[in-house]
Each structure stands twice: as structure tokens, then as C-alpha cells.
Amino acid sequence: MCAFWQHILSRTGRIKADGLVIKTNNGIIWIKKNSPRQKLS
């Protein structure tokens, strides 16, 4: 994982077993591993 994502996750999200969860001003962005980004409200 690149330093950029490590920085973002350390501030706004967490790593889950099957993907990433990132909190943003617009809601929560769910990023599954090896799949396109999915945005959840």
C-alpha cells in the first residue's frame, strides 16, 4: 500500500479484511479489494 493511502487511512478510515472504509465529508466510501470503488451514503 502506498504512503498516500496509509496517510488517508490513518486519519479518516480503517482497513477491513475485505476492503477499505473511508469516511469523507460526503459520506462513507467503501473500497473492496480488487474491485471498483463503491460509494455508500
PDB file of N, CA and C in Angstrom:
ATOM      1  N   MET A   1       0.856  -1.193   0.000  1.00  0.00           N
ATOM      2  CA  MET A   1       0.000   0.000   0.000  1.00  0.00           C
ATOM      3  C   MET A   1       0.888   1.238   0.000  1.00  0.00           C
ATOM      4  N   CYS A   2       0.522   2.203  -0.816  1.00  0.00           N
ATOM      5  CA  CYS A   2       1.371   3.381  -0.929  1.00  0.00           C
ATOM      6  C   CYS A   2       1.202   4.306   0.269  1.00  0.00           C
ATOM      7  N   ALA A   3       2.147   5.180   0.463  1.00  0.00           N
ATOM      8  CA  ALA A   3       2.152   6.074   1.622  1.00  0.00           C
ATOM      9  C   ALA A   3       0.917   6.973   1.637  1.00  0.00           C
ATOM     10  N   PHE A   4       0.440   7.340   0.441  1.00  0.00           N
ATOM     11  CA  PHE A   4      -0.733   8.213   0.375  1.00  0.00           C
ATOM     12  C   PHE A   4      -1.928   7.571   1.060  1.00  0.00           C
ATOM     13  N   TRP A   5      -2.197   6.318   0.713  1.00  0.00           N
ATOM     14  CA  TRP A   5      -3.339   5.625   1.308  1.00  0.00           C
ATOM     15  C   TRP A   5      -3.132   5.395   2.790  1.00  0.00           C
ATOM     16  N   GLN A   6      -1.904   5.091   3.178  1.00  0.00           N
ATOM     17  CA  GLN A   6      -1.621   4.912   4.595  1.00  0.00           C
ATOM     18  C   GLN A   6      -1.938   6.186   5.353  1.00  0.00           C
ATOM     19  N   HIS A   7      -1.604   7.327   4.765  1.00  0.00           N
ATOM     20  CA  HIS A   7      -1.846   8.620   5.395  1.00  0.00           C
ATOM     21  C   HIS A   7      -3.350   8.881   5.507  1.00  0.00           C
ATOM     22  N   ILE A   8      -4.077   8.640   4.417  1.00  0.00           N
ATOM     23  CA  ILE A   8      -5.526   8.865   4.414  1.00  0.00           C
ATOM     24  C   ILE A   8      -6.203   7.951   5.426  1.00  0.00           C
ATOM     25  N   LEU A   9      -5.847   6.679   5.411  1.00  0.00           N
ATOM     26  CA  LEU A   9      -6.494   5.719   6.296  1.00  0.00           C
ATOM     27  C   LEU A   9      -6.192   6.009   7.755  1.00  0.00           C
ATOM     28  N   SER A  10      -4.989   6.492   8.012  1.00  0.00           N
ATOM     29  CA  SER A  10      -4.614   6.763   9.394  1.00  0.00           C
ATOM     30  C   SER A  10      -5.452   7.900   9.965  1.00  0.00           C
ATOM     31  N   ARG A  11      -5.984   8.743   9.073  1.00  0.00           N
ATOM     32  CA  ARG A  11      -6.750   9.902   9.520  1.00  0.00           C
ATOM     33  C   ARG A  11      -8.251   9.677   9.450  1.00  0.00           C
ATOM     34  N   THR A  12      -8.728   9.002   8.400  1.00  0.00           N
ATOM     35  CA  THR A  12     -10.159   9.036   8.116  1.00  0.00           C
ATOM     36  C   THR A  12     -10.815   7.668   8.017  1.00  0.00           C
ATOM     37  N   GLY A  13     -10.032   6.606   8.001  1.00  0.00           N
ATOM     38  CA  GLY A  13     -10.657   5.317   7.737  1.00  0.00           C
ATOM     39  C   GLY A  13      -9.971   4.182   8.459  1.00  0.00           C
ATOM     40  N   ARG A  14     -10.303   2.986   8.027  1.00  0.00           N
ATOM     41  CA  ARG A  14      -9.708   1.808   8.621  1.00  0.00           C
ATOM     42  C   ARG A  14      -9.652   0.699   7.584  1.00  0.00           C
ATOM     43  N   ILE A  15      -8.748  -0.231   7.809  1.00  0.00           N
ATOM     44  CA  ILE A  15      -8.600  -1.343   6.881  1.00  0.00           C
ATOM     45  C   ILE A  15      -9.419  -2.517   7.399  1.00  0.00           C
ATOM     46  N   LYS A  16     -10.262  -3.070   6.553  1.00  0.00           N
ATOM     47  CA  LYS A  16     -11.043  -4.247   6.908  1.00  0.00           C
ATOM     48  C   LYS A  16     -10.509  -5.439   6.121  1.00  0.00           C
ATOM     49  N   ALA A  17     -10.937  -6.628   6.532  1.00  0.00           N
ATOM     50  CA  ALA A  17     -10.411  -7.851   5.937  1.00  0.00           C
ATOM     51  C   ALA A  17     -10.652  -7.903   4.426  1.00  0.00           C
ATOM     52  N   ASP A  18     -11.784  -7.371   3.986  1.00  0.00           N
ATOM     53  CA  ASP A  18     -12.135  -7.494   2.572  1.00  0.00           C
ATOM     54  C   ASP A  18     -12.142  -6.172   1.833  1.00  0.00           C
ATOM     55  N   GLY A  19     -11.584  -5.122   2.463  1.00  0.00           N
ATOM     56  CA  GLY A  19     -11.556  -3.853   1.749  1.00  0.00           C
ATOM     57  C   GLY A  19     -11.264  -2.694   2.680  1.00  0.00           C
ATOM     58  N   LEU A  20     -11.564  -1.501   2.203  1.00  0.00           N
ATOM     59  CA  LEU A  20     -11.272  -0.287   2.952  1.00  0.00           C
ATOM     60  C   LEU A  20     -12.551   0.488   3.210  1.00  0.00           C
ATOM     61  N   VAL A  21     -12.604   1.149   4.364  1.00  0.00           N
ATOM     62  CA  VAL A  21     -13.716   2.043   4.652  1.00  0.00           C
ATOM     63  C   VAL A  21     -13.143   3.421   4.938  1.00  0.00           C
ATOM     64  N   ILE A  22     -13.534   4.396   4.152  1.00  0.00           N
ATOM     65  CA  ILE A  22     -13.007   5.743   4.292  1.00  0.00           C
ATOM     66  C   ILE A  22     -14.152   6.718   4.539  1.00  0.00           C
ATOM     67  N   LYS A  23     -14.034   7.476   5.626  1.00  0.00           N
ATOM     68  CA  LYS A  23     -15.053   8.475   5.928  1.00  0.00           C
ATOM     69  C   LYS A  23     -14.691   9.789   5.252  1.00  0.00           C
ATOM     70  N   THR A  24     -15.679  10.382   4.574  1.00  0.00           N
ATOM     71  CA  THR A  24     -15.454  11.658   3.911  1.00  0.00           C
ATOM     72  C   THR A  24     -16.584  12.615   4.244  1.00  0.00           C
ATOM     73  N   ASN A  25     -16.441  13.854   3.808  1.00  0.00           N
ATOM     74  CA  ASN A  25     -17.487  14.849   4.042  1.00  0.00           C
ATOM     75  C   ASN A  25     -18.787  14.471   3.344  1.00  0.00           C
ATOM     76  N   ASN A  26     -18.673  13.684   2.284  1.00  0.00           N
ATOM     77  CA  ASN A  26     -19.853  13.300   1.505  1.00  0.00           C
ATOM     78  C   ASN A  26     -20.459  11.991   1.981  1.00  0.00           C
ATOM     79  N   GLY A  27     -19.846  11.361   2.964  1.00  0.00           N
ATOM     80  CA  GLY A  27     -20.357  10.087   3.440  1.00  0.00           C
ATOM     81  C   GLY A  27     -19.236   9.090   3.609  1.00  0.00           C
ATOM     82  N   ILE A  28     -19.557   7.830   3.409  1.00  0.00           N
ATOM     83  CA  ILE A  28     -18.565   6.767   3.554  1.00  0.00           C
ATOM     84  C   ILE A  28     -18.291   6.153   2.187  1.00  0.00           C
ATOM     85  N   ILE A  29     -17.025   6.053   1.873  1.00  0.00           N
ATOM     86  CA  ILE A  29     -16.633   5.393   0.624  1.00  0.00           C
ATOM     87  C   ILE A  29     -16.107   4.003   0.966  1.00  0.00           C
ATOM     88  N   TRP A  30     -16.733   2.995   0.381  1.00  0.00           N
ATOM     89  CA  TRP A  30     -16.328   1.614   0.617  1.00  0.00           C
ATOM     90  C   TRP A  30     -15.546   1.131  -0.591  1.00  0.00           C
ATOM     91  N   ILE A  31     -14.312   0.711  -0.362  1.00  0.00           N
ATOM     92  CA  ILE A  31     -13.472   0.232  -1.454  1.00  0.00           C
ATOM     93  C   ILE A  31     -13.140  -1.239  -1.206  1.00  0.00           C
ATOM     94  N   LYS A  32     -13.709  -2.109  -2.025  1.00  0.00           N
ATOM     95  CA  LYS A  32     -13.397  -3.530  -1.897  1.00  0.00           C
ATOM     96  C   LYS A  32     -12.070  -3.823  -2.570  1.00  0.00           C
ATOM     97  N   LYS A  33     -11.370  -4.799  -2.047  1.00  0.00           N
ATOM     98  CA  LYS A  33     -10.115  -5.193  -2.676  1.00  0.00           C
ATOM     99  C   LYS A  33     -10.406  -5.803  -4.050  1.00  0.00           C
ATOM    100  N   ASN A  34      -9.568  -5.419  -5.015  1.00  0.00           N
ATOM    101  CA  ASN A  34      -9.668  -5.972  -6.365  1.00  0.00           C
ATOM    102  C   ASN A  34     -11.025  -5.731  -6.995  1.00  0.00           C
ATOM    103  N   SER A  35     -11.660  -4.599  -6.696  1.00  0.00           N
ATOM    104  CA  SER A  35     -12.927  -4.258  -7.321  1.00  0.00           C
ATOM    105  C   SER A  35     -13.060  -2.749  -7.400  1.00  0.00           C
ATOM    106  N   PRO A  36     -13.937  -2.245  -8.265  1.00  0.00           N
ATOM    107  CA  PRO A  36     -14.116  -0.799  -8.401  1.00  0.00           C
ATOM    108  C   PRO A  36     -14.625  -0.188  -7.106  1.00  0.00           C
ATOM    109  N   ARG A  37     -14.419   1.117  -6.970  1.00  0.00           N
ATOM    110  CA  ARG A  37     -14.844   1.831  -5.777  1.00  0.00           C
ATOM    111  C   ARG A  37     -16.361   1.902  -5.720  1.00  0.00           C
ATOM    112  N   GLN A  38     -16.904   1.688  -4.531  1.00  0.00           N
ATOM    113  CA  GLN A  38     -18.340   1.822  -4.329  1.00  0.00           C
ATOM    114  C   GLN A  38     -18.572   2.871  -3.262  1.00  0.00           C
ATOM    115  N   LYS A  39     -19.465   3.811  -3.548  1.00  0.00           N
ATOM    116  CA  LYS A  39     -19.728   4.878  -2.599  1.00  0.00           C
ATOM    117  C   LYS A  39     -21.057   4.632  -1.900  1.00  0.00           C
ATOM    118  N   LEU A  40     -21.040   4.640  -0.573  1.00  0.00           N
ATOM    119  CA  LEU A  40     -22.254   4.424   0.206  1.00  0.00           C
ATOM    120  C   LEU A  40     -22.655   5.712   0.878  1.00  0.00           C
ATOM    121  N   SER A  41     -23.949   5.923   0.989  1.00  0.00           N
ATOM    122  CA  SER A  41     -24.445   7.134   1.632  1.00  0.00           C
ATOM    123  C   SER A  41     -24.445   6.973   3.141  1.00  0.00           C
TER     124      SER A  41
END
